[in-house]
PDB file of all heavy atoms in Angstrom:
ATOM      1  N   ALA A   1       1.648  -1.362  15.303  1.00  0.00           N
ATOM      2  CA  ALA A   1       0.959  -1.256  16.594  1.00  0.00           C
ATOM      3  C   ALA A   1       0.826   0.217  16.953  1.00  0.00           C
ATOM      4  O   ALA A   1       1.789   0.842  17.396  1.00  0.00           O
ATOM      5  CB  ALA A   1       1.741  -2.007  17.667  1.00  0.00           C
ATOM      6  N   GLN A   2      -0.371   0.776  16.751  1.00  0.00           N
ATOM      7  CA  GLN A   2      -0.567   2.212  16.947  1.00  0.00           C
ATOM      8  C   GLN A   2      -1.694   2.540  17.920  1.00  0.00           C
ATOM      9  O   GLN A   2      -1.981   3.713  18.153  1.00  0.00           O
ATOM     10  CB  GLN A   2      -0.878   2.884  15.599  1.00  0.00           C
ATOM     11  CG  GLN A   2       0.295   2.863  14.635  1.00  0.00           C
ATOM     12  CD  GLN A   2      -0.042   3.502  13.302  1.00  0.00           C
ATOM     13  OE1 GLN A   2      -1.155   3.367  12.799  1.00  0.00           O
ATOM     14  NE2 GLN A   2       0.915   4.206  12.727  1.00  0.00           N
ATOM     15  N   ASP A   3      -2.336   1.522  18.477  1.00  0.00           N
ATOM     16  CA  ASP A   3      -3.506   1.807  19.294  1.00  0.00           C
ATOM     17  C   ASP A   3      -3.621   0.754  20.394  1.00  0.00           C
ATOM     18  O   ASP A   3      -2.933  -0.276  20.381  1.00  0.00           O
ATOM     19  CB  ASP A   3      -4.763   1.802  18.421  1.00  0.00           C
ATOM     20  CG  ASP A   3      -5.871   2.681  18.959  1.00  0.00           C
ATOM     21  OD1 ASP A   3      -5.712   3.234  20.073  1.00  0.00           O
ATOM     22  OD2 ASP A   3      -6.902   2.816  18.285  1.00  0.00           O
ATOM     23  N   THR A   4      -4.494   1.030  21.343  1.00  0.00           N
ATOM     24  CA  THR A   4      -4.799   0.097  22.423  1.00  0.00           C
ATOM     25  C   THR A   4      -6.311   0.006  22.563  1.00  0.00           C
ATOM     26  O   THR A   4      -7.046   0.770  21.951  1.00  0.00           O
ATOM     27  CB  THR A   4      -4.189   0.574  23.754  1.00  0.00           C
ATOM     28  OG1 THR A   4      -4.733   1.862  24.078  1.00  0.00           O
ATOM     29  CG2 THR A   4      -2.674   0.679  23.660  1.00  0.00           C
ATOM     30  N   GLY A   5      -6.785  -0.905  23.376  1.00  0.00           N
ATOM     31  CA  GLY A   5      -8.225  -1.042  23.579  1.00  0.00           C
ATOM     32  C   GLY A   5      -8.526  -1.816  24.842  1.00  0.00           C
ATOM     33  O   GLY A   5      -7.750  -2.688  25.252  1.00  0.00           O
ATOM     34  N   GLY A   6      -9.671  -1.502  25.460  1.00  0.00           N
ATOM     35  CA  GLY A   6     -10.033  -2.125  26.719  1.00  0.00           C
ATOM     36  C   GLY A   6     -10.148  -3.635  26.638  1.00  0.00           C
ATOM     37  O   GLY A   6      -9.868  -4.341  27.612  1.00  0.00           O
ATOM     38  N   ALA A   7     -10.568  -4.166  25.481  1.00  0.00           N
ATOM     39  CA  ALA A   7     -10.743  -5.610  25.346  1.00  0.00           C
ATOM     40  C   ALA A   7      -9.516  -6.290  24.744  1.00  0.00           C
ATOM     41  O   ALA A   7      -9.530  -7.502  24.540  1.00  0.00           O
ATOM     42  CB  ALA A   7     -11.966  -5.902  24.470  1.00  0.00           C
ATOM     43  N   ILE A   8      -8.473  -5.512  24.462  1.00  0.00           N
ATOM     44  CA  ILE A   8      -7.293  -6.080  23.803  1.00  0.00           C
ATOM     45  C   ILE A   8      -6.262  -6.406  24.875  1.00  0.00           C
ATOM     46  O   ILE A   8      -5.482  -5.551  25.304  1.00  0.00           O
ATOM     47  CB  ILE A   8      -6.713  -5.095  22.760  1.00  0.00           C
ATOM     48  CG1 ILE A   8      -7.835  -4.542  21.876  1.00  0.00           C
ATOM     49  CG2 ILE A   8      -5.654  -5.787  21.919  1.00  0.00           C
ATOM     50  CD1 ILE A   8      -8.663  -5.615  21.189  1.00  0.00           C
ATOM     51  N   ARG A   9      -6.267  -7.647  25.302  1.00  0.00           N
ATOM     52  CA  ARG A   9      -5.401  -8.090  26.377  1.00  0.00           C
ATOM     53  C   ARG A   9      -4.720  -9.395  25.981  1.00  0.00           C
ATOM     54  O   ARG A   9      -5.387 -10.339  25.558  1.00  0.00           O
ATOM     55  CB  ARG A   9      -6.211  -8.311  27.673  1.00  0.00           C
ATOM     56  CG  ARG A   9      -6.781  -7.027  28.266  1.00  0.00           C
ATOM     57  CD  ARG A   9      -5.664  -6.186  28.891  1.00  0.00           C
ATOM     58  NE  ARG A   9      -6.179  -4.942  29.436  1.00  0.00           N
ATOM     59  CZ  ARG A   9      -6.157  -3.779  28.800  1.00  0.00           C
ATOM     60  NH1 ARG A   9      -5.672  -3.720  27.581  1.00  0.00           N
ATOM     61  NH2 ARG A   9      -6.614  -2.683  29.387  1.00  0.00           N
ATOM     62  N   GLY A  10      -3.400  -9.429  26.124  1.00  0.00           N
ATOM     63  CA  GLY A  10      -2.664 -10.644  25.841  1.00  0.00           C
ATOM     64  C   GLY A  10      -1.654 -10.453  24.724  1.00  0.00           C
ATOM     65  O   GLY A  10      -1.686  -9.487  23.957  1.00  0.00           O
ATOM     66  N   ALA A  11      -0.726 -11.404  24.632  1.00  0.00           N
ATOM     67  CA  ALA A  11       0.370 -11.301  23.677  1.00  0.00           C
ATOM     68  C   ALA A  11      -0.074 -11.561  22.244  1.00  0.00           C
ATOM     69  O   ALA A  11       0.418 -10.927  21.309  1.00  0.00           O
ATOM     70  CB  ALA A  11       1.481 -12.281  24.064  1.00  0.00           C
ATOM     71  N   VAL A  12      -0.991 -12.511  22.046  1.00  0.00           N
ATOM     72  CA  VAL A  12      -1.441 -12.851  20.695  1.00  0.00           C
ATOM     73  C   VAL A  12      -2.904 -12.410  20.553  1.00  0.00           C
ATOM     74  O   VAL A  12      -3.827 -13.228  20.486  1.00  0.00           O
ATOM     75  CB  VAL A  12      -1.244 -14.348  20.372  1.00  0.00           C
ATOM     76  CG1 VAL A  12       0.220 -14.641  20.151  1.00  0.00           C
ATOM     77  CG2 VAL A  12      -1.777 -15.239  21.488  1.00  0.00           C
ATOM     78  N   ARG A  13      -3.090 -11.119  20.506  1.00  0.00           N
ATOM     79  CA  ARG A  13      -4.423 -10.500  20.451  1.00  0.00           C
ATOM     80  C   ARG A  13      -4.294  -9.154  19.760  1.00  0.00           C
ATOM     81  O   ARG A  13      -3.374  -8.394  20.040  1.00  0.00           O
ATOM     82  CB  ARG A  13      -4.974 -10.322  21.874  1.00  0.00           C
ATOM     83  CG  ARG A  13      -6.308  -9.602  21.956  1.00  0.00           C
ATOM     84  CD  ARG A  13      -7.451 -10.502  21.551  1.00  0.00           C
ATOM     85  NE  ARG A  13      -8.745  -9.865  21.796  1.00  0.00           N
ATOM     86  CZ  ARG A  13      -9.415  -9.138  20.897  1.00  0.00           C
ATOM     87  NH1 ARG A  13      -8.908  -8.955  19.679  1.00  0.00           N
ATOM     88  NH2 ARG A  13     -10.585  -8.615  21.191  1.00  0.00           N
ATOM     89  N   ALA A  14      -5.209  -8.847  18.842  1.00  0.00           N
ATOM     90  CA  ALA A  14      -5.152  -7.570  18.138  1.00  0.00           C
ATOM     91  C   ALA A  14      -6.535  -7.178  17.642  1.00  0.00           C
ATOM     92  O   ALA A  14      -7.428  -8.021  17.477  1.00  0.00           O
ATOM     93  CB  ALA A  14      -4.177  -7.636  16.957  1.00  0.00           C
ATOM     94  N   ASP A  15      -6.692  -5.887  17.419  1.00  0.00           N
ATOM     95  CA  ASP A  15      -7.876  -5.306  16.808  1.00  0.00           C
ATOM     96  C   ASP A  15      -7.408  -4.623  15.532  1.00  0.00           C
ATOM     97  O   ASP A  15      -6.518  -3.753  15.578  1.00  0.00           O
ATOM     98  CB  ASP A  15      -8.497  -4.288  17.776  1.00  0.00           C
ATOM     99  CG  ASP A  15     -10.011  -4.312  17.789  1.00  0.00           C
ATOM    100  OD1 ASP A  15     -10.601  -5.208  17.155  1.00  0.00           O
ATOM    101  OD2 ASP A  15     -10.610  -3.434  18.431  1.00  0.00           O
ATOM    102  N   PHE A  16      -7.980  -4.996  14.392  1.00  0.00           N
ATOM    103  CA  PHE A  16      -7.539  -4.536  13.073  1.00  0.00           C
ATOM    104  C   PHE A  16      -8.399  -3.346  12.651  1.00  0.00           C
ATOM    105  O   PHE A  16      -9.622  -3.438  12.624  1.00  0.00           O
ATOM    106  CB  PHE A  16      -7.681  -5.698  12.082  1.00  0.00           C
ATOM    107  CG  PHE A  16      -7.140  -5.438  10.706  1.00  0.00           C
ATOM    108  CD1 PHE A  16      -5.829  -5.777  10.393  1.00  0.00           C
ATOM    109  CD2 PHE A  16      -7.942  -4.890   9.713  1.00  0.00           C
ATOM    110  CE1 PHE A  16      -5.336  -5.568   9.116  1.00  0.00           C
ATOM    111  CE2 PHE A  16      -7.456  -4.678   8.440  1.00  0.00           C
ATOM    112  CZ  PHE A  16      -6.142  -5.013   8.132  1.00  0.00           C
ATOM    113  N   PHE A  17      -7.765  -2.228  12.307  1.00  0.00           N
ATOM    114  CA  PHE A  17      -8.503  -1.016  11.945  1.00  0.00           C
ATOM    115  C   PHE A  17      -8.866  -1.030  10.458  1.00  0.00           C
ATOM    116  O   PHE A  17      -7.991  -1.042   9.594  1.00  0.00           O
ATOM    117  CB  PHE A  17      -7.675   0.233  12.264  1.00  0.00           C
ATOM    118  CG  PHE A  17      -8.369   1.504  11.881  1.00  0.00           C
ATOM    119  CD1 PHE A  17      -9.575   1.857  12.476  1.00  0.00           C
ATOM    120  CD2 PHE A  17      -7.831   2.350  10.925  1.00  0.00           C
ATOM    121  CE1 PHE A  17     -10.236   3.037  12.118  1.00  0.00           C
ATOM    122  CE2 PHE A  17      -8.469   3.523  10.570  1.00  0.00           C
ATOM    123  CZ  PHE A  17      -9.680   3.867  11.167  1.00  0.00           C
ATOM    124  N   TRP A  18     -10.190  -1.001  10.183  1.00  0.00           N
ATOM    125  CA  TRP A  18     -10.670  -1.124   8.814  1.00  0.00           C
ATOM    126  C   TRP A  18     -10.924   0.209   8.117  1.00  0.00           C
ATOM    127  O   TRP A  18     -11.083   0.245   6.898  1.00  0.00           O
ATOM    128  CB  TRP A  18     -11.952  -1.958   8.786  1.00  0.00           C
ATOM    129  CG  TRP A  18     -11.700  -3.422   8.906  1.00  0.00           C
ATOM    130  CD1 TRP A  18     -11.857  -4.202  10.010  1.00  0.00           C
ATOM    131  CD2 TRP A  18     -11.218  -4.298   7.877  1.00  0.00           C
ATOM    132  NE1 TRP A  18     -11.495  -5.505   9.740  1.00  0.00           N
ATOM    133  CE2 TRP A  18     -11.105  -5.589   8.433  1.00  0.00           C
ATOM    134  CE3 TRP A  18     -10.863  -4.113   6.536  1.00  0.00           C
ATOM    135  CZ2 TRP A  18     -10.658  -6.689   7.694  1.00  0.00           C
ATOM    136  CZ3 TRP A  18     -10.421  -5.210   5.803  1.00  0.00           C
ATOM    137  CH2 TRP A  18     -10.326  -6.472   6.374  1.00  0.00           C
ATOM    138  N   GLY A  19     -11.013   1.306   8.854  1.00  0.00           N
ATOM    139  CA  GLY A  19     -11.261   2.594   8.210  1.00  0.00           C
ATOM    140  C   GLY A  19     -12.525   3.257   8.721  1.00  0.00           C
ATOM    141  O   GLY A  19     -12.972   3.013   9.843  1.00  0.00           O
ATOM    142  N   THR A  20     -13.128   4.095   7.862  1.00  0.00           N
ATOM    143  CA  THR A  20     -14.256   4.937   8.249  1.00  0.00           C
ATOM    144  C   THR A  20     -15.519   4.563   7.476  1.00  0.00           C
ATOM    145  O   THR A  20     -15.449   4.245   6.299  1.00  0.00           O
ATOM    146  CB  THR A  20     -13.928   6.418   7.987  1.00  0.00           C
ATOM    147  OG1 THR A  20     -12.768   6.780   8.735  1.00  0.00           O
ATOM    148  CG2 THR A  20     -15.078   7.332   8.382  1.00  0.00           C
ATOM    149  N   GLY A  21     -16.654   4.619   8.144  1.00  0.00           N
ATOM    150  CA  GLY A  21     -17.941   4.480   7.475  1.00  0.00           C
ATOM    151  C   GLY A  21     -18.546   3.100   7.530  1.00  0.00           C
ATOM    152  O   GLY A  21     -18.003   2.169   8.141  1.00  0.00           O
ATOM    153  N   SER A  22     -19.691   2.971   6.846  1.00  0.00           N
ATOM    154  CA  SER A  22     -20.500   1.760   6.980  1.00  0.00           C
ATOM    155  C   SER A  22     -19.820   0.516   6.406  1.00  0.00           C
ATOM    156  O   SER A  22     -19.939  -0.576   6.972  1.00  0.00           O
ATOM    157  CB  SER A  22     -21.859   1.972   6.300  1.00  0.00           C
ATOM    158  OG  SER A  22     -21.687   2.322   4.933  1.00  0.00           O
ATOM    159  N   GLU A  23     -19.130   0.643   5.279  1.00  0.00           N
ATOM    160  CA  GLU A  23     -18.468  -0.528   4.693  1.00  0.00           C
ATOM    161  C   GLU A  23     -17.387  -1.057   5.621  1.00  0.00           C
ATOM    162  O   GLU A  23     -17.267  -2.272   5.842  1.00  0.00           O
ATOM    163  CB  GLU A  23     -17.863  -0.180   3.332  1.00  0.00           C
ATOM    164  CG  GLU A  23     -17.263  -1.387   2.604  1.00  0.00           C
ATOM    165  CD  GLU A  23     -16.773  -1.045   1.214  1.00  0.00           C
ATOM    166  OE1 GLU A  23     -17.184  -0.010   0.668  1.00  0.00           O
ATOM    167  OE2 GLU A  23     -15.966  -1.830   0.673  1.00  0.00           O
ATOM    168  N   ALA A  24     -16.596  -0.141   6.190  1.00  0.00           N
ATOM    169  CA  ALA A  24     -15.590  -0.549   7.163  1.00  0.00           C
ATOM    170  C   ALA A  24     -16.258  -1.157   8.389  1.00  0.00           C
ATOM    171  O   ALA A  24     -15.741  -2.114   8.988  1.00  0.00           O
ATOM    172  CB  ALA A  24     -14.728   0.644   7.567  1.00  0.00           C
ATOM    173  N   GLY A  25     -17.423  -0.616   8.755  1.00  0.00           N
ATOM    174  CA  GLY A  25     -18.146  -1.147   9.906  1.00  0.00           C
ATOM    175  C   GLY A  25     -18.616  -2.568   9.697  1.00  0.00           C
ATOM    176  O   GLY A  25     -18.604  -3.380  10.631  1.00  0.00           O
ATOM    177  N   VAL A  26     -19.048  -2.887   8.479  1.00  0.00           N
ATOM    178  CA  VAL A  26     -19.480  -4.255   8.180  1.00  0.00           C
ATOM    179  C   VAL A  26     -18.313  -5.224   8.348  1.00  0.00           C
ATOM    180  O   VAL A  26     -18.432  -6.287   8.964  1.00  0.00           O
ATOM    181  CB  VAL A  26     -20.063  -4.337   6.757  1.00  0.00           C
ATOM    182  CG1 VAL A  26     -20.271  -5.793   6.340  1.00  0.00           C
ATOM    183  CG2 VAL A  26     -21.385  -3.577   6.671  1.00  0.00           C
ATOM    184  N   LEU A  27     -17.149  -4.864   7.803  1.00  0.00           N
ATOM    185  CA  LEU A  27     -15.975  -5.732   7.914  1.00  0.00           C
ATOM    186  C   LEU A  27     -15.537  -5.875   9.373  1.00  0.00           C
ATOM    187  O   LEU A  27     -15.240  -6.976   9.846  1.00  0.00           O
ATOM    188  CB  LEU A  27     -14.837  -5.163   7.077  1.00  0.00           C
ATOM    189  CG  LEU A  27     -15.031  -5.237   5.562  1.00  0.00           C
ATOM    190  CD1 LEU A  27     -14.011  -4.366   4.835  1.00  0.00           C
ATOM    191  CD2 LEU A  27     -14.927  -6.680   5.078  1.00  0.00           C
ATOM    192  N   ALA A  28     -15.521  -4.744  10.082  1.00  0.00           N
ATOM    193  CA  ALA A  28     -15.096  -4.787  11.489  1.00  0.00           C
ATOM    194  C   ALA A  28     -16.050  -5.628  12.326  1.00  0.00           C
ATOM    195  O   ALA A  28     -15.627  -6.412  13.177  1.00  0.00           O
ATOM    196  CB  ALA A  28     -15.011  -3.366  12.039  1.00  0.00           C
ATOM    197  N   GLY A  29     -17.364  -5.463  12.071  1.00  0.00           N
ATOM    198  CA  GLY A  29     -18.352  -6.180  12.859  1.00  0.00           C
ATOM    199  C   GLY A  29     -18.329  -7.676  12.648  1.00  0.00           C
ATOM    200  O   GLY A  29     -18.729  -8.446  13.534  1.00  0.00           O
ATOM    201  N   ARG A  30     -17.850  -8.111  11.488  1.00  0.00           N
ATOM    202  CA  ARG A  30     -17.828  -9.535  11.180  1.00  0.00           C
ATOM    203  C   ARG A  30     -16.497 -10.203  11.513  1.00  0.00           C
ATOM    204  O   ARG A  30     -16.374 -11.430  11.450  1.00  0.00           O
ATOM    205  CB  ARG A  30     -18.122  -9.745   9.695  1.00  0.00           C
ATOM    206  CG  ARG A  30     -19.552  -9.387   9.309  1.00  0.00           C
ATOM    207  CD  ARG A  30     -19.738  -9.477   7.813  1.00  0.00           C
ATOM    208  NE  ARG A  30     -21.135  -9.251   7.442  1.00  0.00           N
ATOM    209  CZ  ARG A  30     -21.573  -9.089   6.203  1.00  0.00           C
ATOM    210  NH1 ARG A  30     -20.703  -9.136   5.192  1.00  0.00           N
ATOM    211  NH2 ARG A  30     -22.842  -8.889   5.960  1.00  0.00           N
ATOM    212  N   MET A  31     -15.500  -9.411  11.836  1.00  0.00           N
ATOM    213  CA  MET A  31     -14.157  -9.987  11.994  1.00  0.00           C
ATOM    214  C   MET A  31     -13.974 -10.605  13.378  1.00  0.00           C
ATOM    215  O   MET A  31     -14.068  -9.928  14.399  1.00  0.00           O
ATOM    216  CB  MET A  31     -13.085  -8.922  11.762  1.00  0.00           C
ATOM    217  CG  MET A  31     -11.686  -9.517  11.679  1.00  0.00           C
ATOM    218  SD  MET A  31     -10.485  -8.334  11.053  1.00  0.00           S
ATOM    219  CE  MET A  31      -9.111  -9.421  10.674  1.00  0.00           C
ATOM    220  N   ARG A  32     -13.715 -11.863  13.374  1.00  0.00           N
ATOM    221  CA  ARG A  32     -13.391 -12.603  14.604  1.00  0.00           C
ATOM    222  C   ARG A  32     -12.577 -13.821  14.177  1.00  0.00           C
ATOM    223  O   ARG A  32     -13.029 -14.954  14.242  1.00  0.00           O
ATOM    224  CB  ARG A  32     -14.676 -13.003  15.334  1.00  0.00           C
ATOM    225  CG  ARG A  32     -14.451 -13.484  16.755  1.00  0.00           C
ATOM    226  CD  ARG A  32     -15.757 -13.748  17.490  1.00  0.00           C
ATOM    227  NE  ARG A  32     -15.516 -14.238  18.824  1.00  0.00           N
ATOM    228  CZ  ARG A  32     -15.260 -13.490  19.877  1.00  0.00           C
ATOM    229  NH1 ARG A  32     -15.218 -12.179  19.730  1.00  0.00           N
ATOM    230  NH2 ARG A  32     -15.040 -14.016  21.057  1.00  0.00           N
ATOM    231  N   GLN A  33     -11.348 -13.544  13.747  1.00  0.00           N
ATOM    232  CA  GLN A  33     -10.497 -14.555  13.140  1.00  0.00           C
ATOM    233  C   GLN A  33      -9.379 -14.967  14.102  1.00  0.00           C
ATOM    234  O   GLN A  33      -9.082 -14.270  15.074  1.00  0.00           O
ATOM    235  CB  GLN A  33      -9.861 -14.004  11.855  1.00  0.00           C
ATOM    236  CG  GLN A  33     -10.783 -13.145  10.990  1.00  0.00           C
ATOM    237  CD  GLN A  33     -11.966 -13.902  10.455  1.00  0.00           C
ATOM    238  OE1 GLN A  33     -13.082 -13.662  10.897  1.00  0.00           O
ATOM    239  NE2 GLN A  33     -11.729 -14.809   9.539  1.00  0.00           N
ATOM    240  N   GLN A  34      -8.734 -16.079  13.782  1.00  0.00           N
ATOM    241  CA  GLN A  34      -7.509 -16.464  14.458  1.00  0.00           C
ATOM    242  C   GLN A  34      -6.330 -15.902  13.671  1.00  0.00           C
ATOM    243  O   GLN A  34      -6.380 -15.793  12.441  1.00  0.00           O
ATOM    244  CB  GLN A  34      -7.391 -17.981  14.570  1.00  0.00           C
ATOM    245  CG  GLN A  34      -8.372 -18.595  15.557  1.00  0.00           C
ATOM    246  CD  GLN A  34      -8.084 -18.159  16.988  1.00  0.00           C
ATOM    247  OE1 GLN A  34      -7.006 -18.416  17.522  1.00  0.00           O
ATOM    248  NE2 GLN A  34      -9.047 -17.477  17.607  1.00  0.00           N
ATOM    249  N   GLY A  35      -5.277 -15.528  14.376  1.00  0.00           N
ATOM    250  CA  GLY A  35      -4.127 -14.964  13.689  1.00  0.00           C
ATOM    251  C   GLY A  35      -2.835 -15.223  14.443  1.00  0.00           C
ATOM    252  O   GLY A  35      -2.828 -15.573  15.624  1.00  0.00           O
TER     253      GLY A  35
END
């Protein structure tokens, strides 16, 4: 846990950091999983 975000609220909620650039952007843009 190294970051925070305006839309990240709640105990079972996270934003996963994929890295830099377009390939990471594709993965980030498509990610909406349960965890």
